[in-house]
N, C-alpha and C. Protein backbone atom coordinates (compact mmCIF):
# COMPACT_ATOMS: atom_id res chain seq x y z
N MET A 1 109.28 62.32 99.80
CA MET A 1 109.85 63.65 99.75
C MET A 1 109.73 64.22 98.35
N ASN A 2 109.32 65.45 98.28
CA ASN A 2 109.17 66.14 97.02
C ASN A 2 110.46 66.92 96.74
N THR A 3 111.29 66.37 95.86
CA THR A 3 112.60 66.97 95.58
C THR A 3 112.48 68.36 94.97
N ALA A 4 111.52 68.55 94.09
CA ALA A 4 111.35 69.87 93.45
C ALA A 4 111.00 70.94 94.47
N ALA A 5 110.14 70.61 95.41
CA ALA A 5 109.75 71.59 96.44
C ALA A 5 110.94 71.93 97.34
N ILE A 6 111.74 70.94 97.66
CA ILE A 6 112.93 71.17 98.49
C ILE A 6 113.92 72.06 97.75
N GLN A 7 114.15 71.79 96.47
CA GLN A 7 115.07 72.60 95.69
C GLN A 7 114.56 74.04 95.55
N LEU A 8 113.26 74.21 95.34
CA LEU A 8 112.69 75.55 95.25
C LEU A 8 112.88 76.30 96.56
N GLU A 9 112.64 75.65 97.67
CA GLU A 9 112.82 76.29 98.97
C GLU A 9 114.28 76.68 99.20
N ASN A 10 115.21 75.84 98.75
CA ASN A 10 116.64 76.17 98.88
C ASN A 10 117.00 77.39 98.05
N ILE A 11 116.44 77.50 96.85
CA ILE A 11 116.68 78.67 96.01
C ILE A 11 116.15 79.93 96.68
N LEU A 12 114.94 79.85 97.21
CA LEU A 12 114.35 81.02 97.85
C LEU A 12 115.13 81.42 99.11
N LEU A 13 115.64 80.47 99.85
CA LEU A 13 116.45 80.78 101.02
C LEU A 13 117.77 81.44 100.61
N ALA A 14 118.36 80.99 99.52
CA ALA A 14 119.62 81.58 99.05
C ALA A 14 119.41 83.00 98.54
N MET A 15 118.24 83.30 98.02
CA MET A 15 117.96 84.62 97.46
C MET A 15 117.34 85.57 98.48
N ALA A 16 117.20 85.17 99.72
CA ALA A 16 116.50 85.96 100.73
C ALA A 16 117.14 87.33 100.97
N ASP A 17 118.46 87.42 100.85
CA ASP A 17 119.13 88.71 101.11
C ASP A 17 119.63 89.37 99.83
N LYS A 18 119.09 88.96 98.69
CA LYS A 18 119.44 89.55 97.40
C LYS A 18 118.30 90.45 96.94
N TYR A 19 118.61 91.36 96.01
CA TYR A 19 117.61 92.32 95.54
C TYR A 19 117.64 92.44 94.03
N PHE A 20 116.47 92.75 93.44
CA PHE A 20 116.34 93.09 92.04
C PHE A 20 115.93 94.55 91.94
N GLY A 21 116.32 95.20 90.85
CA GLY A 21 115.83 96.54 90.57
C GLY A 21 114.40 96.46 90.07
N LYS A 22 113.75 97.60 89.92
CA LYS A 22 112.35 97.64 89.52
C LYS A 22 112.14 97.06 88.13
N THR A 23 113.01 97.38 87.19
CA THR A 23 112.85 96.90 85.82
C THR A 23 112.97 95.38 85.74
N GLU A 24 113.99 94.83 86.39
CA GLU A 24 114.20 93.38 86.38
C GLU A 24 113.07 92.66 87.10
N ALA A 25 112.64 93.18 88.23
CA ALA A 25 111.54 92.57 88.98
C ALA A 25 110.25 92.60 88.17
N ALA A 26 109.98 93.71 87.48
CA ALA A 26 108.78 93.81 86.66
C ALA A 26 108.80 92.79 85.52
N ARG A 27 109.95 92.58 84.93
CA ARG A 27 110.07 91.59 83.85
C ARG A 27 109.78 90.18 84.37
N ILE A 28 110.22 89.88 85.57
CA ILE A 28 110.05 88.55 86.14
C ILE A 28 108.59 88.29 86.53
N VAL A 29 107.94 89.27 87.15
CA VAL A 29 106.56 89.04 87.62
C VAL A 29 105.51 89.23 86.55
N GLY A 30 105.87 89.87 85.43
CA GLY A 30 104.92 89.98 84.34
C GLY A 30 104.42 91.38 84.06
N GLY A 31 105.16 92.38 84.48
CA GLY A 31 104.79 93.75 84.15
C GLY A 31 104.87 94.69 85.34
N ARG A 32 105.02 95.97 85.00
CA ARG A 32 105.17 96.99 86.04
C ARG A 32 103.90 97.12 86.88
N ALA A 33 102.73 97.05 86.25
CA ALA A 33 101.47 97.20 86.98
C ALA A 33 101.31 96.06 88.00
N ARG A 34 101.64 94.85 87.60
CA ARG A 34 101.53 93.71 88.52
C ARG A 34 102.53 93.85 89.65
N LEU A 35 103.74 94.31 89.35
CA LEU A 35 104.75 94.52 90.38
C LEU A 35 104.27 95.54 91.40
N VAL A 36 103.74 96.66 90.94
CA VAL A 36 103.25 97.70 91.85
C VAL A 36 102.12 97.16 92.71
N ARG A 37 101.21 96.39 92.10
CA ARG A 37 100.10 95.81 92.86
C ARG A 37 100.61 94.85 93.94
N LEU A 38 101.62 94.04 93.62
CA LEU A 38 102.18 93.11 94.60
C LEU A 38 102.91 93.85 95.72
N ILE A 39 103.57 94.94 95.39
CA ILE A 39 104.26 95.74 96.41
C ILE A 39 103.24 96.39 97.33
N GLU A 40 102.19 96.97 96.76
CA GLU A 40 101.16 97.64 97.56
C GLU A 40 100.42 96.67 98.47
N SER A 41 100.23 95.43 98.02
CA SER A 41 99.54 94.45 98.85
C SER A 41 100.46 93.82 99.90
N GLY A 42 101.75 94.11 99.81
CA GLY A 42 102.70 93.59 100.80
C GLY A 42 103.27 92.23 100.47
N GLU A 43 102.96 91.70 99.29
CA GLU A 43 103.47 90.38 98.93
C GLU A 43 104.92 90.43 98.48
N ILE A 44 105.39 91.57 98.00
CA ILE A 44 106.79 91.77 97.65
C ILE A 44 107.32 92.93 98.48
N ARG A 45 108.38 92.66 99.21
CA ARG A 45 109.00 93.72 100.01
C ARG A 45 109.91 94.54 99.10
N ALA A 46 109.71 95.84 99.11
CA ALA A 46 110.50 96.74 98.27
C ALA A 46 110.87 97.97 99.08
N ASP A 47 112.02 98.52 98.77
CA ASP A 47 112.51 99.69 99.48
C ASP A 47 113.18 100.61 98.47
N LYS A 48 112.98 101.89 98.68
CA LYS A 48 113.65 102.90 97.86
C LYS A 48 114.51 103.69 98.84
N LYS A 49 115.80 103.41 98.86
CA LYS A 49 116.68 103.92 99.91
C LYS A 49 117.00 105.40 99.79
N SER A 50 116.80 105.99 98.63
CA SER A 50 117.05 107.43 98.48
C SER A 50 115.72 108.14 98.29
N VAL A 51 115.71 109.43 98.56
CA VAL A 51 114.47 110.20 98.42
C VAL A 51 114.35 110.84 97.04
N ARG A 52 115.34 110.63 96.19
CA ARG A 52 115.29 111.20 94.84
C ARG A 52 114.19 110.53 94.02
N GLN A 53 113.65 111.28 93.06
CA GLN A 53 112.58 110.76 92.22
C GLN A 53 113.03 109.54 91.42
N ASN A 54 114.24 109.59 90.92
CA ASN A 54 114.73 108.48 90.09
C ASN A 54 115.66 107.54 90.86
N GLY A 55 115.46 107.44 92.16
CA GLY A 55 116.28 106.55 92.98
C GLY A 55 116.00 105.08 92.67
N ARG A 56 116.97 104.26 92.94
CA ARG A 56 116.86 102.82 92.66
C ARG A 56 115.91 102.13 93.64
N TRP A 57 115.09 101.23 93.12
CA TRP A 57 114.22 100.41 93.95
C TRP A 57 114.97 99.13 94.30
N TYR A 58 114.74 98.61 95.48
CA TYR A 58 115.32 97.35 95.92
C TYR A 58 114.17 96.40 96.25
N CYS A 59 113.88 95.47 95.34
CA CYS A 59 112.81 94.49 95.52
C CYS A 59 113.43 93.18 95.98
N ASN A 60 112.91 92.61 97.05
CA ASN A 60 113.44 91.37 97.61
C ASN A 60 113.35 90.26 96.56
N ALA A 61 114.49 89.64 96.25
CA ALA A 61 114.56 88.66 95.16
C ALA A 61 113.73 87.41 95.45
N ALA A 62 113.71 86.93 96.68
CA ALA A 62 112.92 85.74 97.01
C ALA A 62 111.44 86.00 96.81
N ASP A 63 110.96 87.19 97.23
CA ASP A 63 109.55 87.53 97.03
C ASP A 63 109.20 87.63 95.56
N VAL A 64 110.09 88.23 94.78
CA VAL A 64 109.86 88.36 93.33
C VAL A 64 109.78 86.98 92.69
N LEU A 65 110.69 86.09 93.06
CA LEU A 65 110.70 84.76 92.45
C LEU A 65 109.48 83.94 92.86
N ARG A 66 108.93 84.19 94.04
CA ARG A 66 107.71 83.50 94.46
C ARG A 66 106.52 83.87 93.56
N HIS A 67 106.55 85.06 93.00
CA HIS A 67 105.44 85.56 92.19
C HIS A 67 105.79 85.66 90.72
N CYS A 68 106.75 84.88 90.25
CA CYS A 68 107.16 84.98 88.85
C CYS A 68 106.05 84.45 87.93
N ARG A 69 106.01 85.00 86.73
CA ARG A 69 105.01 84.56 85.76
C ARG A 69 105.50 83.29 85.09
N ASN A 70 104.58 82.60 84.43
CA ASN A 70 104.92 81.39 83.72
C ASN A 70 105.68 81.77 82.45
N MET A 71 106.94 81.38 82.34
CA MET A 71 107.78 81.76 81.21
C MET A 71 107.73 80.73 80.07
N ARG A 72 107.01 79.64 80.28
CA ARG A 72 106.94 78.61 79.23
C ARG A 72 106.09 79.07 78.09
N LYS A 73 106.46 78.66 76.89
CA LYS A 73 105.67 78.99 75.70
C LYS A 73 104.81 77.84 75.31
């Protein structure tokens, strides 16, 4: 059994109904352009619940964490 894979899957399941804003999600995945590309390709589910120009984005936290950039230095 791969303990790390099991723990990662548990984290993603716990975050399935949580959301990040656009700024936080962009920081995690490695930039706004990459976030937009992932949203357009359907790899990250995102919703903008209001029709206002500056309305808040709701990016699925589990999808964002699946595509996070390498934070190690």
